[in-house]
Amino acid sequence: MARKSSKSSLTSKTPALTHIDAGGEARMVDVSEKPATERIAVAEGRVVMSKATLELVVSGNARKGDVLGVARIAGIMAAKRTHELIPLCHPLALSKVSVDIAPDARLPGCIVRASVKVTGPTGVEMEALTAVSVACLTIYDMIKAVERGVRIEGIHLIEKKGGKSGHYRA
């Protein structure tokens, strides 16, 4: 009795990857037939640092300036340019991008949350995740001279609404 290869048994049990064609080649998904609907994605991540560094960030006395303000703008800019960073993402006319950064003394550090909205044929999960990632990296960049042991953690999708797959909440 012949055994199925692990590749064929994986294919029969799991959904197909949308960015891979039948020949196994990378492709951009054709969304031209999909209806334009409102789509929203929310992502979150954390930047963990010492209490002293967090106090410096919150007070606005970091040597490079307003850490949280610069990180917020960097996250918004990154969401708008996601298609330039992730090879198979569609360029989207985003209708809303917000990046909120909340200092949290319990971490200690900052919780970064991005919300992205579009009316279009494809979702904005990658844009929300990119916004959070770049905002976290910007915080790191602005405080690394003070503390090299800063950690970026837990970047993940919190919620997704709209489209064929419906509502997802982590």
Protein backbone atom coordinates (compact mmCIF):
# COMPACT_ATOMS: atom_id res chain seq x y z
CA MET A 1 0.00 0.00 0.00
CA ALA A 2 1.48 3.32 -1.07
CA ARG A 3 1.78 6.08 1.49
CA LYS A 4 0.72 9.60 0.70
CA SER A 5 3.48 12.15 0.85
CA SER A 6 3.24 14.54 3.76
CA LYS A 7 2.76 17.38 1.27
CA SER A 8 -0.38 15.87 -0.26
CA SER A 9 -1.86 14.89 3.09
CA LEU A 10 -1.21 18.39 4.40
CA THR A 11 -2.92 19.89 1.37
CA SER A 12 -6.03 17.77 1.79
CA LYS A 13 -6.48 18.68 5.47
CA THR A 14 -5.53 22.34 5.57
CA PRO A 15 -6.80 25.33 3.59
CA ALA A 16 -4.66 26.41 0.66
CA LEU A 17 -2.30 29.33 1.08
CA THR A 18 -3.79 32.14 -0.98
CA HIS A 19 -0.43 33.62 -2.01
CA ILE A 20 0.77 30.36 -3.59
CA ASP A 21 -0.52 29.26 -7.01
CA ALA A 22 -1.19 25.66 -8.13
CA GLY A 23 2.44 25.34 -9.25
CA GLY A 24 3.79 26.43 -5.86
CA GLU A 25 4.83 29.89 -7.03
CA ALA A 26 4.24 33.10 -5.08
CA ARG A 27 1.46 35.29 -6.48
CA MET A 28 -0.55 38.35 -5.61
CA VAL A 29 -4.16 37.37 -4.90
CA ASP A 30 -6.68 38.62 -7.47
CA VAL A 31 -9.26 40.62 -5.51
CA SER A 32 -10.94 42.21 -8.53
CA GLU A 33 -14.13 40.13 -8.16
CA LYS A 34 -14.48 40.70 -4.41
CA PRO A 35 -16.98 43.31 -3.23
CA ALA A 36 -15.74 46.47 -1.57
CA THR A 37 -16.83 46.28 2.06
CA GLU A 38 -15.78 48.06 5.23
CA ARG A 39 -12.85 46.24 6.80
CA ILE A 40 -11.20 46.98 10.12
CA ALA A 41 -8.17 45.43 11.80
CA VAL A 42 -6.71 46.07 15.24
CA ALA A 43 -3.24 44.90 16.29
CA GLU A 44 -1.22 45.27 19.45
CA GLY A 45 2.33 44.89 20.76
CA ARG A 46 4.42 45.81 23.77
CA VAL A 47 7.76 47.52 24.34
CA VAL A 48 9.20 46.42 27.69
CA MET A 49 11.83 48.57 29.39
CA SER A 50 13.07 49.52 32.85
CA LYS A 51 11.00 51.78 35.10
CA ALA A 52 13.64 54.50 34.82
CA THR A 53 13.51 54.45 31.02
CA LEU A 54 9.71 54.49 31.05
CA GLU A 55 9.79 57.55 33.34
CA LEU A 56 12.13 59.25 30.86
CA VAL A 57 9.76 58.47 27.98
CA VAL A 58 6.64 59.64 29.85
CA SER A 59 8.27 62.85 31.04
CA GLY A 60 9.19 63.79 27.48
CA ASN A 61 12.84 64.27 28.42
CA ALA A 62 14.38 61.67 26.13
CA ARG A 63 17.38 63.03 24.25
CA LYS A 64 15.77 62.42 20.85
CA GLY A 65 12.52 64.19 21.78
CA ASP A 66 8.88 63.11 22.06
CA VAL A 67 9.26 59.33 21.86
CA LEU A 68 5.56 58.50 21.87
CA GLY A 69 4.59 61.22 19.38
CA VAL A 70 7.30 60.21 16.92
CA ALA A 71 6.40 56.51 17.29
CA ARG A 72 2.71 57.27 16.66
CA ILE A 73 3.52 59.12 13.42
CA ALA A 74 5.95 56.36 12.35
CA GLY A 75 3.23 53.74 12.85
CA ILE A 76 0.71 55.70 10.79
CA MET A 77 3.24 56.23 8.00
CA ALA A 78 4.15 52.53 8.03
CA ALA A 79 0.52 51.43 7.68
CA LYS A 80 0.20 53.61 4.57
CA ARG A 81 3.33 52.01 3.05
CA THR A 82 2.72 48.36 3.95
CA HIS A 83 2.41 47.36 0.30
CA GLU A 84 5.98 48.64 -0.23
CA LEU A 85 7.32 46.48 2.60
CA ILE A 86 5.36 43.22 2.28
CA PRO A 87 5.85 41.93 -1.28
CA LEU A 88 2.38 40.53 -2.03
CA CYS A 89 0.21 43.12 -0.24
CA HIS A 90 -2.18 45.24 -2.26
CA PRO A 91 -1.82 49.02 -2.16
CA LEU A 92 -4.91 50.28 -0.32
CA ALA A 93 -6.54 53.69 0.04
CA LEU A 94 -6.82 53.58 3.83
CA SER A 95 -9.64 55.62 5.30
CA LYS A 96 -8.38 55.58 8.89
CA VAL A 97 -5.21 54.72 10.77
CA SER A 98 -4.84 55.35 14.48
CA VAL A 99 -1.92 54.38 16.67
CA ASP A 100 -2.38 54.63 20.42
CA ILE A 101 0.51 54.19 22.81
CA ALA A 102 -0.22 53.72 26.51
CA PRO A 103 2.56 53.73 29.09
CA ASP A 104 2.08 50.84 31.52
CA ALA A 105 4.01 50.88 34.79
CA ARG A 106 3.17 47.20 35.41
CA LEU A 107 5.24 46.03 32.41
CA PRO A 108 7.06 48.44 32.73
CA GLY A 109 6.82 49.76 29.19
CA CYS A 110 4.33 50.79 26.54
CA ILE A 111 1.38 49.05 24.95
CA VAL A 112 1.06 49.97 21.28
CA ARG A 113 -2.28 49.47 19.53
CA ALA A 114 -3.11 50.26 15.91
CA SER A 115 -6.53 50.36 14.27
CA VAL A 116 -6.82 50.49 10.49
CA LYS A 117 -9.94 50.89 8.37
CA VAL A 118 -10.65 50.68 4.64
CA THR A 119 -13.59 50.18 2.32
CA GLY A 120 -12.24 47.79 -0.25
CA PRO A 121 -11.95 44.22 -1.53
CA THR A 122 -9.24 43.04 0.88
CA GLY A 123 -8.45 43.29 4.58
CA VAL A 124 -6.09 45.52 6.50
CA GLU A 125 -4.53 43.07 8.98
CA MET A 126 -1.05 43.55 7.54
CA GLU A 127 -1.38 47.32 7.74
CA ALA A 128 -2.36 47.16 11.44
CA LEU A 129 0.46 44.72 12.23
CA THR A 130 2.97 46.85 10.30
CA ALA A 131 1.86 50.00 12.13
CA VAL A 132 2.39 48.33 15.51
CA SER A 133 5.74 46.84 14.49
CA VAL A 134 7.17 50.12 13.22
CA ALA A 135 5.84 52.11 16.19
CA CYS A 136 7.50 49.61 18.56
CA LEU A 137 10.76 49.76 16.58
CA THR A 138 10.66 53.55 16.70
CA ILE A 139 10.29 53.52 20.48
CA TYR A 140 13.28 51.15 20.66
CA ASP A 141 15.32 53.36 18.34
CA MET A 142 14.62 56.47 20.38
CA ILE A 143 15.56 54.92 23.74
CA LYS A 144 18.33 52.48 22.81
CA ALA A 145 21.06 54.91 23.87
CA VAL A 146 19.63 54.82 27.40
CA GLU A 147 18.80 51.10 27.58
CA ARG A 148 19.94 48.36 25.21
CA GLY A 149 17.89 45.61 26.87
CA VAL A 150 14.52 46.88 25.69
CA ARG A 151 12.27 44.09 24.36
CA ILE A 152 9.55 44.19 21.74
CA GLU A 153 6.96 41.51 22.50
CA GLY A 154 3.60 40.07 21.64
CA ILE A 155 2.82 41.71 18.32
CA HIS A 156 -0.45 40.14 17.24
CA LEU A 157 -3.82 40.70 15.62
CA ILE A 158 -6.50 41.57 18.19
CA GLU A 159 -9.50 41.87 15.91
CA LYS A 160 -10.56 41.77 12.27
CA LYS A 161 -13.98 42.75 10.90
CA GLY A 162 -15.41 42.58 7.42
CA GLY A 163 -14.94 40.50 4.34
CA LYS A 164 -15.84 36.93 3.53
CA SER A 165 -14.20 35.40 6.61
CA GLY A 166 -16.23 37.63 8.93
CA HIS A 167 -15.36 38.73 12.44
CA TYR A 168 -12.27 37.49 14.29
CA ARG A 169 -11.36 38.40 17.85
CA ALA A 170 -8.28 37.06 19.64
